[in-house]
């Protein structure tokens, strides 16, 4: 334990001894990872919006205009008796028009209408929300003579979920690609340090120091450098989200969507810091193995 503590103290001293070099190296890490981290944060905000708006999957059944009165009640009874349907909610055409005027911002348009063009509708909640069951129930409802249109209300949510998944995959791929570049940066940084200290390292080895003891401070140096880069990346992502939030939220409001951008939470921040620390450690491990383990400093 004392050996690791001593190695950590040596790594900290090396960082502090050249603060500008350490800061510039950390900035390289931060800038490279800000883009995928920012993309991931935006995707997670979009995922939260999709999750909040998904609710229970529903099917909307619109009746033909000529279906009224007793015929409508007969359709409702048929739907309630259907074992595949858990809940049935009737939406009269007048109520639908009022909702359109209130929520869609079409009050002036609906007020000028001489007649209500909207049909009566039923909002149905299936017992089984699997895609196959949804499609089968949609086909059954579409075959009813009173039906004008059957719409799956969850389709746009499924598309949004697909976009979110694509965004996550793209962010992870970009992070892995840039992470590889950062391993190379750390490798070169440690390579220069090792070559600068090669005589000191050779003397330590001649005096009986083990190679793990020689390697340990460099590994901690790479880990700390990566961790510092992660902290800077977190700061940049948080700052950029605050700068972008007003414009993105204003754009969302034009689509009648309430969106409040949130920065990385504790788990996401921890994952970012762990990832950058791992990159720094990996680059240092490769460099140290190349120049110490293989005896290039002897």
C-alpha atoms as a PDB file:
ATOM      1  CA  UNK A   1       0.000   0.000   0.000  1.00  0.00           C
ATOM      2  CA  UNK A   2       2.827   2.400   0.881  1.00  0.00           C
ATOM      3  CA  UNK A   3       4.463   1.674  -2.470  1.00  0.00           C
ATOM      4  CA  UNK A   4       1.327   2.705  -4.327  1.00  0.00           C
ATOM      5  CA  UNK A   5       0.955   5.819  -2.188  1.00  0.00           C
ATOM      6  CA  UNK A   6       4.557   6.784  -2.885  1.00  0.00           C
ATOM      7  CA  UNK A   7       4.046   6.207  -6.627  1.00  0.00           C
ATOM      8  CA  UNK A   8       0.906   8.366  -6.556  1.00  0.00           C
ATOM      9  CA  UNK A   9       2.794  11.166  -4.804  1.00  0.00           C
ATOM     10  CA  UNK A  10       5.551  10.996  -7.436  1.00  0.00           C
ATOM     11  CA  UNK A  11       2.936  11.214 -10.203  1.00  0.00           C
ATOM     12  CA  UNK A  12       1.313  14.242  -8.567  1.00  0.00           C
ATOM     13  CA  UNK A  13       4.693  15.955  -8.209  1.00  0.00           C
ATOM     14  CA  UNK A  14       5.391  15.394 -11.904  1.00  0.00           C
ATOM     15  CA  UNK A  15       2.029  16.886 -12.825  1.00  0.00           C
ATOM     16  CA  UNK A  16       2.551  19.906 -10.575  1.00  0.00           C
ATOM     17  CA  UNK A  17       6.131  20.435 -11.736  1.00  0.00           C
ATOM     18  CA  UNK A  18       4.962  21.130 -15.287  1.00  0.00           C
ATOM     19  CA  UNK A  19       1.429  22.536 -14.903  1.00  0.00           C
ATOM     20  CA  UNK A  20       1.191  24.032 -18.376  1.00  0.00           C
ATOM     21  CA  UNK A  21       2.174  20.775 -20.082  1.00  0.00           C
ATOM     22  CA  UNK A  22      -0.209  18.816 -17.883  1.00  0.00           C
ATOM     23  CA  UNK A  23      -3.048  21.266 -18.570  1.00  0.00           C
ATOM     24  CA  UNK A  24      -2.496  21.204 -22.331  1.00  0.00           C
ATOM     25  CA  UNK A  25      -2.436  17.400 -22.365  1.00  0.00           C
ATOM     26  CA  UNK A  26      -5.623  17.301 -20.297  1.00  0.00           C
ATOM     27  CA  UNK A  27      -7.239  19.809 -22.656  1.00  0.00           C
ATOM     28  CA  UNK A  28      -6.503  17.509 -25.574  1.00  0.00           C
ATOM     29  CA  UNK A  29      -8.353  14.749 -23.742  1.00  0.00           C
ATOM     30  CA  UNK A  30     -11.217  17.082 -22.792  1.00  0.00           C
ATOM     31  CA  UNK A  31     -11.741  18.620 -26.217  1.00  0.00           C
ATOM     32  CA  UNK A  32     -11.621  15.261 -27.966  1.00  0.00           C
ATOM     33  CA  UNK A  33     -14.203  13.718 -25.621  1.00  0.00           C
ATOM     34  CA  UNK A  34     -16.483  16.758 -25.334  1.00  0.00           C
ATOM     35  CA  UNK A  35     -18.177  16.027 -28.657  1.00  0.00           C
ATOM     36  CA  UNK A  36     -19.237  12.424 -27.906  1.00  0.00           C
ATOM     37  CA  UNK A  37     -20.057  13.324 -24.285  1.00  0.00           C
ATOM     38  CA  UNK A  38     -22.204  16.264 -25.413  1.00  0.00           C
ATOM     39  CA  UNK A  39     -23.894  14.067 -28.004  1.00  0.00           C
ATOM     40  CA  UNK A  40     -24.615  11.429 -25.358  1.00  0.00           C
ATOM     41  CA  UNK A  41     -26.069  14.070 -22.993  1.00  0.00           C
ATOM     42  CA  UNK A  42     -28.374  15.423 -25.712  1.00  0.00           C
ATOM     43  CA  UNK A  43     -29.471  11.903 -26.642  1.00  0.00           C
ATOM     44  CA  UNK A  44     -30.230  11.110 -22.989  1.00  0.00           C
ATOM     45  CA  UNK A  45     -32.370  14.252 -22.760  1.00  0.00           C
ATOM     46  CA  UNK A  46     -34.215  13.139 -25.876  1.00  0.00           C
ATOM     47  CA  UNK A  47     -34.602   9.648 -24.418  1.00  0.00           C
ATOM     48  CA  UNK A  48     -36.079  11.106 -21.237  1.00  0.00           C
ATOM     49  CA  UNK A  49     -38.550  13.088 -23.325  1.00  0.00           C
ATOM     50  CA  UNK A  50     -39.553   9.978 -25.255  1.00  0.00           C
ATOM     51  CA  UNK A  51     -39.930   7.961 -22.051  1.00  0.00           C
ATOM     52  CA  UNK A  52     -42.094  10.638 -20.483  1.00  0.00           C
ATOM     53  CA  UNK A  53     -44.375  10.880 -23.486  1.00  0.00           C
ATOM     54  CA  UNK A  54     -44.693   7.203 -24.268  1.00  0.00           C
ATOM     55  CA  UNK A  55     -47.135   6.188 -21.543  1.00  0.00           C
ATOM     56  CA  UNK A  56     -49.240   3.153 -22.275  1.00  0.00           C
ATOM     57  CA  UNK A  57     -49.348   2.110 -25.948  1.00  0.00           C
ATOM     58  CA  UNK A  58     -52.686   3.054 -27.503  1.00  0.00           C
ATOM     59  CA  UNK A  59     -54.663   2.578 -30.681  1.00  0.00           C
ATOM     60  CA  UNK A  60     -56.991   5.258 -32.020  1.00  0.00           C
ATOM     61  CA  UNK A  61     -60.038   4.058 -33.947  1.00  0.00           C
ATOM     62  CA  UNK A  62     -61.842   6.720 -35.992  1.00  0.00           C
ATOM     63  CA  UNK A  63     -65.419   6.038 -37.036  1.00  0.00           C
ATOM     64  CA  UNK A  64     -66.990   6.941 -40.338  1.00  0.00           C
ATOM     65  CA  UNK A  65     -68.931  10.218 -40.269  1.00  0.00           C
ATOM     66  CA  UNK A  66     -72.251   8.501 -40.853  1.00  0.00           C
ATOM     67  CA  UNK A  67     -71.826   6.306 -37.760  1.00  0.00           C
ATOM     68  CA  UNK A  68     -73.774   7.989 -34.932  1.00  0.00           C
ATOM     69  CA  UNK A  69     -76.085   7.276 -32.037  1.00  0.00           C
ATOM     70  CA  UNK A  70     -76.980   3.618 -31.565  1.00  0.00           C
ATOM     71  CA  UNK A  71     -74.408   2.487 -34.125  1.00  0.00           C
ATOM     72  CA  UNK A  72     -71.659   4.199 -32.109  1.00  0.00           C
ATOM     73  CA  UNK A  73     -72.830   2.565 -28.885  1.00  0.00           C
ATOM     74  CA  UNK A  74     -72.901  -0.811 -30.634  1.00  0.00           C
ATOM     75  CA  UNK A  75     -69.300  -0.335 -31.731  1.00  0.00           C
ATOM     76  CA  UNK A  76     -68.316   0.632 -28.185  1.00  0.00           C
ATOM     77  CA  UNK A  77     -69.944  -2.501 -26.783  1.00  0.00           C
ATOM     78  CA  UNK A  78     -68.186  -4.641 -29.368  1.00  0.00           C
ATOM     79  CA  UNK A  79     -64.846  -3.116 -28.403  1.00  0.00           C
ATOM     80  CA  UNK A  80     -65.446  -3.619 -24.678  1.00  0.00           C
ATOM     81  CA  UNK A  81     -66.263  -7.278 -25.316  1.00  0.00           C
ATOM     82  CA  UNK A  82     -63.042  -7.791 -27.269  1.00  0.00           C
ATOM     83  CA  UNK A  83     -60.672  -9.864 -25.061  1.00  0.00           C
ATOM     84  CA  UNK A  84     -57.625  -8.240 -26.678  1.00  0.00           C
ATOM     85  CA  UNK A  85     -58.592  -4.758 -25.452  1.00  0.00           C
ATOM     86  CA  UNK A  86     -57.979  -3.735 -21.830  1.00  0.00           C
ATOM     87  CA  UNK A  87     -59.552  -0.257 -21.835  1.00  0.00           C
ATOM     88  CA  UNK A  88     -61.861   1.709 -24.109  1.00  0.00           C
ATOM     89  CA  UNK A  89     -62.281   5.498 -24.035  1.00  0.00           C
ATOM     90  CA  UNK A  90     -64.791   7.261 -26.254  1.00  0.00           C
ATOM     91  CA  UNK A  91     -63.802  10.670 -27.654  1.00  0.00           C
ATOM     92  CA  UNK A  92     -66.799  12.517 -29.171  1.00  0.00           C
ATOM     93  CA  UNK A  93     -66.098  14.675 -32.175  1.00  0.00           C
ATOM     94  CA  UNK A  94     -66.983  17.875 -30.278  1.00  0.00           C
ATOM     95  CA  UNK A  95     -64.495  17.049 -27.538  1.00  0.00           C
ATOM     96  CA  UNK A  96     -61.834  16.262 -30.134  1.00  0.00           C
ATOM     97  CA  UNK A  97     -62.406  19.664 -31.763  1.00  0.00           C
ATOM     98  CA  UNK A  98     -62.065  21.429 -28.413  1.00  0.00           C
ATOM     99  CA  UNK A  99     -58.830  19.585 -27.677  1.00  0.00           C
ATOM    100  CA  UNK A 100     -57.463  20.499 -31.093  1.00  0.00           C
ATOM    101  CA  UNK A 101     -58.257  24.159 -30.511  1.00  0.00           C
ATOM    102  CA  UNK A 102     -56.763  24.150 -26.999  1.00  0.00           C
ATOM    103  CA  UNK A 103     -53.609  22.077 -27.544  1.00  0.00           C
ATOM    104  CA  UNK A 104     -52.760  22.576 -31.170  1.00  0.00           C
ATOM    105  CA  UNK A 105     -53.058  26.338 -31.318  1.00  0.00           C
ATOM    106  CA  UNK A 106     -55.782  26.174 -33.965  1.00  0.00           C
ATOM    107  CA  UNK A 107     -58.412  28.121 -32.009  1.00  0.00           C
ATOM    108  CA  UNK A 108     -58.901  30.718 -34.746  1.00  0.00           C
ATOM    109  CA  UNK A 109     -59.221  28.039 -37.427  1.00  0.00           C
ATOM    110  CA  UNK A 110     -61.680  25.842 -35.530  1.00  0.00           C
ATOM    111  CA  UNK A 111     -63.743  28.863 -34.521  1.00  0.00           C
ATOM    112  CA  UNK A 112     -64.270  29.743 -38.179  1.00  0.00           C
ATOM    113  CA  UNK A 113     -65.548  26.257 -39.104  1.00  0.00           C
ATOM    114  CA  UNK A 114     -69.240  25.985 -39.922  1.00  0.00           C
ATOM    115  CA  UNK A 115     -69.253  22.243 -39.244  1.00  0.00           C
ATOM    116  CA  UNK A 116     -67.078  19.887 -37.226  1.00  0.00           C
ATOM    117  CA  UNK A 117     -65.025  17.811 -39.702  1.00  0.00           C
ATOM    118  CA  UNK A 118     -63.650  15.454 -37.033  1.00  0.00           C
ATOM    119  CA  UNK A 119     -65.145  11.986 -36.524  1.00  0.00           C
ATOM    120  CA  UNK A 120     -66.035  10.237 -33.299  1.00  0.00           C
ATOM    121  CA  UNK A 121     -63.168   8.106 -32.072  1.00  0.00           C
ATOM    122  CA  UNK A 122     -62.223   5.450 -29.557  1.00  0.00           C
ATOM    123  CA  UNK A 123     -58.869   5.310 -27.783  1.00  0.00           C
ATOM    124  CA  UNK A 124     -57.993   1.698 -27.014  1.00  0.00           C
ATOM    125  CA  UNK A 125     -55.375   0.180 -24.748  1.00  0.00           C
ATOM    126  CA  UNK A 126     -54.450  -3.381 -25.812  1.00  0.00           C
ATOM    127  CA  UNK A 127     -53.782  -6.078 -23.242  1.00  0.00           C
ATOM    128  CA  UNK A 128     -50.691  -7.212 -25.129  1.00  0.00           C
ATOM    129  CA  UNK A 129     -48.372  -4.433 -26.310  1.00  0.00           C
ATOM    130  CA  UNK A 130     -46.124  -6.641 -28.444  1.00  0.00           C
ATOM    131  CA  UNK A 131     -45.691  -5.447 -32.053  1.00  0.00           C
ATOM    132  CA  UNK A 132     -47.257  -8.619 -33.473  1.00  0.00           C
ATOM    133  CA  UNK A 133     -50.341  -8.270 -31.266  1.00  0.00           C
ATOM    134  CA  UNK A 134     -50.601  -4.594 -32.150  1.00  0.00           C
ATOM    135  CA  UNK A 135     -50.571  -5.349 -35.859  1.00  0.00           C
ATOM    136  CA  UNK A 136     -53.099  -8.177 -35.514  1.00  0.00           C
ATOM    137  CA  UNK A 137     -55.495  -5.979 -33.531  1.00  0.00           C
ATOM    138  CA  UNK A 138     -55.037  -3.153 -36.013  1.00  0.00           C
ATOM    139  CA  UNK A 139     -55.986  -5.477 -38.886  1.00  0.00           C
ATOM    140  CA  UNK A 140     -59.047  -6.726 -36.971  1.00  0.00           C
ATOM    141  CA  UNK A 141     -60.259  -3.219 -36.181  1.00  0.00           C
ATOM    142  CA  UNK A 142     -59.631  -1.997 -39.721  1.00  0.00           C
ATOM    143  CA  UNK A 143     -61.881  -4.763 -41.039  1.00  0.00           C
ATOM    144  CA  UNK A 144     -64.886  -3.454 -39.096  1.00  0.00           C
ATOM    145  CA  UNK A 145     -67.428  -1.795 -41.444  1.00  0.00           C
ATOM    146  CA  UNK A 146     -67.807   1.209 -39.132  1.00  0.00           C
ATOM    147  CA  UNK A 147     -64.072   1.971 -39.134  1.00  0.00           C
ATOM    148  CA  UNK A 148     -62.669   4.856 -41.155  1.00  0.00           C
ATOM    149  CA  UNK A 149     -59.095   4.730 -39.858  1.00  0.00           C
ATOM    150  CA  UNK A 150     -57.030   2.884 -37.253  1.00  0.00           C
ATOM    151  CA  UNK A 151     -53.902   4.642 -36.039  1.00  0.00           C
ATOM    152  CA  UNK A 152     -51.158   3.315 -33.789  1.00  0.00           C
ATOM    153  CA  UNK A 153     -50.381   6.241 -31.495  1.00  0.00           C
ATOM    154  CA  UNK A 154     -47.028   4.751 -30.421  1.00  0.00           C
ATOM    155  CA  UNK A 155     -45.493   4.684 -33.909  1.00  0.00           C
ATOM    156  CA  UNK A 156     -43.796   8.073 -33.595  1.00  0.00           C
ATOM    157  CA  UNK A 157     -42.455   7.080 -30.162  1.00  0.00           C
ATOM    158  CA  UNK A 158     -40.957   3.932 -31.698  1.00  0.00           C
ATOM    159  CA  UNK A 159     -39.272   6.070 -34.352  1.00  0.00           C
ATOM    160  CA  UNK A 160     -37.986   8.431 -31.667  1.00  0.00           C
ATOM    161  CA  UNK A 161     -36.655   5.478 -29.680  1.00  0.00           C
ATOM    162  CA  UNK A 162     -34.863   4.230 -32.801  1.00  0.00           C
ATOM    163  CA  UNK A 163     -33.294   7.670 -33.276  1.00  0.00           C
ATOM    164  CA  UNK A 164     -32.214   7.694 -29.625  1.00  0.00           C
ATOM    165  CA  UNK A 165     -30.606   4.267 -30.004  1.00  0.00           C
ATOM    166  CA  UNK A 166     -28.827   5.424 -33.154  1.00  0.00           C
ATOM    167  CA  UNK A 167     -27.563   8.508 -31.313  1.00  0.00           C
ATOM    168  CA  UNK A 168     -26.246   6.390 -28.457  1.00  0.00           C
ATOM    169  CA  UNK A 169     -24.451   4.047 -30.843  1.00  0.00           C
ATOM    170  CA  UNK A 170     -22.944   6.967 -32.775  1.00  0.00           C
ATOM    171  CA  UNK A 171     -21.763   8.651 -29.547  1.00  0.00           C
ATOM    172  CA  UNK A 172     -20.163   5.441 -28.269  1.00  0.00           C
ATOM    173  CA  UNK A 173     -18.472   4.768 -31.609  1.00  0.00           C
ATOM    174  CA  UNK A 174     -17.103   8.305 -31.738  1.00  0.00           C
ATOM    175  CA  UNK A 175     -15.926   8.032 -28.129  1.00  0.00           C
ATOM    176  CA  UNK A 176     -14.073   4.791 -28.899  1.00  0.00           C
ATOM    177  CA  UNK A 177     -12.414   6.271 -31.989  1.00  0.00           C
ATOM    178  CA  UNK A 178     -11.322   9.428 -30.200  1.00  0.00           C
ATOM    179  CA  UNK A 179     -10.364   7.342 -27.162  1.00  0.00           C
ATOM    180  CA  UNK A 180      -7.919   5.420 -29.332  1.00  0.00           C
ATOM    181  CA  UNK A 181      -6.369   8.712 -30.407  1.00  0.00           C
ATOM    182  CA  UNK A 182      -6.091   9.779 -26.770  1.00  0.00           C
ATOM    183  CA  UNK A 183      -4.308   6.560 -25.862  1.00  0.00           C
ATOM    184  CA  UNK A 184      -1.754   7.473 -28.515  1.00  0.00           C
ATOM    185  CA  UNK A 185      -1.426  11.004 -27.065  1.00  0.00           C
ATOM    186  CA  UNK A 186      -0.803   9.597 -23.584  1.00  0.00           C
ATOM    187  CA  UNK A 187       1.649   7.074 -25.041  1.00  0.00           C
ATOM    188  CA  UNK A 188       3.727   9.840 -26.624  1.00  0.00           C
ATOM    189  CA  UNK A 189       3.552  12.041 -23.504  1.00  0.00           C
ATOM    190  CA  UNK A 190       4.855   9.240 -21.294  1.00  0.00           C
ATOM    191  CA  UNK A 191       7.405   8.232 -23.920  1.00  0.00           C
ATOM    192  CA  UNK A 192       8.989  11.688 -23.726  1.00  0.00           C
ATOM    193  CA  UNK A 193       9.004  11.538 -19.936  1.00  0.00           C
ATOM    194  CA  UNK A 194      10.602   8.102 -19.888  1.00  0.00           C
ATOM    195  CA  UNK A 195      13.270   9.106 -22.392  1.00  0.00           C
ATOM    196  CA  UNK A 196      14.010  12.227 -20.351  1.00  0.00           C
ATOM    197  CA  UNK A 197      14.375  10.145 -17.173  1.00  0.00           C
ATOM    198  CA  UNK A 198      16.017   7.134 -18.801  1.00  0.00           C
ATOM    199  CA  UNK A 199      19.318   7.564 -16.974  1.00  0.00           C
ATOM    200  CA  UNK A 200      17.540   7.893 -13.607  1.00  0.00           C
ATOM    201  CA  UNK A 201      15.463   4.798 -14.404  1.00  0.00           C
ATOM    202  CA  UNK A 202      18.569   2.849 -15.414  1.00  0.00           C
ATOM    203  CA  UNK A 203      20.282   3.748 -12.139  1.00  0.00           C
ATOM    204  CA  UNK A 204      17.232   2.627 -10.140  1.00  0.00           C
ATOM    205  CA  UNK A 205      17.189  -0.693 -11.978  1.00  0.00           C
ATOM    206  CA  UNK A 206      20.916  -1.178 -11.350  1.00  0.00           C
ATOM    207  CA  UNK A 207      20.395  -0.459  -7.650  1.00  0.00           C
ATOM    208  CA  UNK A 208      17.828  -3.244  -7.428  1.00  0.00           C
ATOM    209  CA  UNK A 209      14.525  -1.472  -8.047  1.00  0.00           C
ATOM    210  CA  UNK A 210      11.959  -3.764  -9.612  1.00  0.00           C
ATOM    211  CA  UNK A 211      10.397  -2.927 -12.926  1.00  0.00           C
ATOM    212  CA  UNK A 212       6.872  -2.770 -11.392  1.00  0.00           C
ATOM    213  CA  UNK A 213       8.155  -0.152  -8.920  1.00  0.00           C
ATOM    214  CA  UNK A 214       9.634   1.863 -11.796  1.00  0.00           C
ATOM    215  CA  UNK A 215       6.485   1.566 -13.887  1.00  0.00           C
ATOM    216  CA  UNK A 216       4.044   2.450 -11.111  1.00  0.00           C
ATOM    217  CA  UNK A 217       4.532   6.284 -10.996  1.00  0.00           C
ATOM    218  CA  UNK A 218       4.108   6.528 -14.771  1.00  0.00           C
ATOM    219  CA  UNK A 219       0.882   4.514 -14.642  1.00  0.00           C
ATOM    220  CA  UNK A 220      -0.514   6.802 -11.957  1.00  0.00           C
ATOM    221  CA  UNK A 221       0.610   9.813 -13.998  1.00  0.00           C
ATOM    222  CA  UNK A 222      -1.361   8.601 -17.022  1.00  0.00           C
ATOM    223  CA  UNK A 223      -4.397   7.840 -14.847  1.00  0.00           C
ATOM    224  CA  UNK A 224      -4.311  11.292 -13.230  1.00  0.00           C
ATOM    225  CA  UNK A 225      -3.850  13.009 -16.575  1.00  0.00           C
ATOM    226  CA  UNK A 226      -6.850  11.162 -17.986  1.00  0.00           C
ATOM    227  CA  UNK A 227      -8.891  11.976 -14.875  1.00  0.00           C
ATOM    228  CA  UNK A 228      -8.028  15.656 -15.186  1.00  0.00           C
ATOM    229  CA  UNK A 229      -9.050  15.547 -18.849  1.00  0.00           C
ATOM    230  CA  UNK A 230     -12.359  13.967 -17.835  1.00  0.00           C
ATOM    231  CA  UNK A 231     -13.038  16.739 -15.323  1.00  0.00           C
ATOM    232  CA  UNK A 232     -12.360  19.358 -17.985  1.00  0.00           C
ATOM    233  CA  UNK A 233     -14.595  17.489 -20.448  1.00  0.00           C
ATOM    234  CA  UNK A 234     -17.393  17.432 -17.856  1.00  0.00           C
ATOM    235  CA  UNK A 235     -16.991  21.179 -17.366  1.00  0.00           C
ATOM    236  CA  UNK A 236     -17.083  21.851 -21.110  1.00  0.00           C
ATOM    237  CA  UNK A 237     -20.175  19.674 -21.596  1.00  0.00           C
ATOM    238  CA  UNK A 238     -21.994  21.390 -18.726  1.00  0.00           C
ATOM    239  CA  UNK A 239     -21.075  24.829 -20.072  1.00  0.00           C
ATOM    240  CA  UNK A 240     -22.113  24.004 -23.643  1.00  0.00           C
ATOM    241  CA  UNK A 241     -25.438  22.559 -22.484  1.00  0.00           C
ATOM    242  CA  UNK A 242     -26.189  25.770 -20.601  1.00  0.00           C
ATOM    243  CA  UNK A 243     -25.308  27.836 -23.655  1.00  0.00           C
ATOM    244  CA  UNK A 244     -27.377  25.658 -26.006  1.00  0.00           C
ATOM    245  CA  UNK A 245     -30.352  25.150 -23.676  1.00  0.00           C
ATOM    246  CA  UNK A 246     -32.274  28.378 -24.508  1.00  0.00           C
ATOM    247  CA  UNK A 247     -32.094  27.800 -28.272  1.00  0.00           C
ATOM    248  CA  UNK A 248     -32.983  24.084 -28.070  1.00  0.00           C
ATOM    249  CA  UNK A 249     -35.842  24.652 -25.630  1.00  0.00           C
ATOM    250  CA  UNK A 250     -37.209  27.479 -27.812  1.00  0.00           C
ATOM    251  CA  UNK A 251     -37.096  25.157 -30.830  1.00  0.00           C
ATOM    252  CA  UNK A 252     -38.931  22.454 -28.857  1.00  0.00           C
ATOM    253  CA  UNK A 253     -41.676  24.918 -27.906  1.00  0.00           C
ATOM    254  CA  UNK A 254     -42.391  25.584 -31.578  1.00  0.00           C
ATOM    255  CA  UNK A 255     -43.424  21.914 -31.771  1.00  0.00           C
ATOM    256  CA  UNK A 256     -45.544  22.235 -28.594  1.00  0.00           C
ATOM    257  CA  UNK A 257     -43.004  20.155 -26.662  1.00  0.00           C
ATOM    258  CA  UNK A 258     -41.752  21.118 -23.225  1.00  0.00           C
ATOM    259  CA  UNK A 259     -38.077  20.247 -22.950  1.00  0.00           C
ATOM    260  CA  UNK A 260     -35.700  21.152 -20.148  1.00  0.00           C
ATOM    261  CA  UNK A 261     -32.099  20.221 -20.885  1.00  0.00           C
ATOM    262  CA  UNK A 262     -30.315  18.486 -18.029  1.00  0.00           C
ATOM    263  CA  UNK A 263     -26.572  18.127 -17.650  1.00  0.00           C
ATOM    264  CA  UNK A 264     -24.779  14.836 -16.963  1.00  0.00           C
ATOM    265  CA  UNK A 265     -26.029  13.167 -13.795  1.00  0.00           C
ATOM    266  CA  UNK A 266     -23.800  11.559 -11.170  1.00  0.00           C
ATOM    267  CA  UNK A 267     -23.713   8.184 -12.936  1.00  0.00           C
ATOM    268  CA  UNK A 268     -22.898   9.674 -16.337  1.00  0.00           C
ATOM    269  CA  UNK A 269     -20.213  11.892 -14.796  1.00  0.00           C
ATOM    270  CA  UNK A 270     -18.709   8.913 -13.024  1.00  0.00           C
ATOM    271  CA  UNK A 271     -18.671   6.894 -16.256  1.00  0.00           C
ATOM    272  CA  UNK A 272     -16.987   9.765 -18.108  1.00  0.00           C
ATOM    273  CA  UNK A 273     -14.276  10.136 -15.454  1.00  0.00           C
ATOM    274  CA  UNK A 274     -13.725   6.383 -15.279  1.00  0.00           C
ATOM    275  CA  UNK A 275     -13.450   6.192 -19.074  1.00  0.00           C
ATOM    276  CA  UNK A 276     -10.902   8.998 -19.346  1.00  0.00           C
ATOM    277  CA  UNK A 277      -8.894   7.623 -16.402  1.00  0.00           C
ATOM    278  CA  UNK A 278      -8.853   4.216 -18.087  1.00  0.00           C
ATOM    279  CA  UNK A 279      -7.658   5.764 -21.346  1.00  0.00           C
ATOM    280  CA  UNK A 280      -4.842   7.548 -19.545  1.00  0.00           C
ATOM    281  CA  UNK A 281      -3.839   4.393 -17.680  1.00  0.00           C
ATOM    282  CA  UNK A 282      -3.948   2.313 -20.876  1.00  0.00           C
ATOM    283  CA  UNK A 283      -1.781   4.747 -22.830  1.00  0.00           C
ATOM    284  CA  UNK A 284       0.687   4.886 -19.951  1.00  0.00           C
ATOM    285  CA  UNK A 285       0.751   1.087 -19.619  1.00  0.00           C
ATOM    286  CA  UNK A 286       1.538   0.620 -23.311  1.00  0.00           C
ATOM    287  CA  UNK A 287       4.244   3.282 -23.243  1.00  0.00           C
ATOM    288  CA  UNK A 288       5.840   1.991 -20.046  1.00  0.00           C
ATOM    289  CA  UNK A 289       5.827  -1.574 -21.314  1.00  0.00           C
ATOM    290  CA  UNK A 290       7.431  -0.476 -24.554  1.00  0.00           C
ATOM    291  CA  UNK A 291      10.210   1.545 -22.922  1.00  0.00           C
ATOM    292  CA  UNK A 292      10.721  -0.021 -19.475  1.00  0.00           C
ATOM    293  CA  UNK A 293       9.483  -3.595 -19.602  1.00  0.00           C
ATOM    294  CA  UNK A 294      11.325  -4.228 -22.853  1.00  0.00           C
ATOM    295  CA  UNK A 295      14.490  -2.718 -21.428  1.00  0.00           C
ATOM    296  CA  UNK A 296      14.854   0.192 -23.827  1.00  0.00           C
ATOM    297  CA  UNK A 297      16.069   2.424 -21.013  1.00  0.00           C
ATOM    298  CA  UNK A 298      18.795   0.060 -19.831  1.00  0.00           C
END
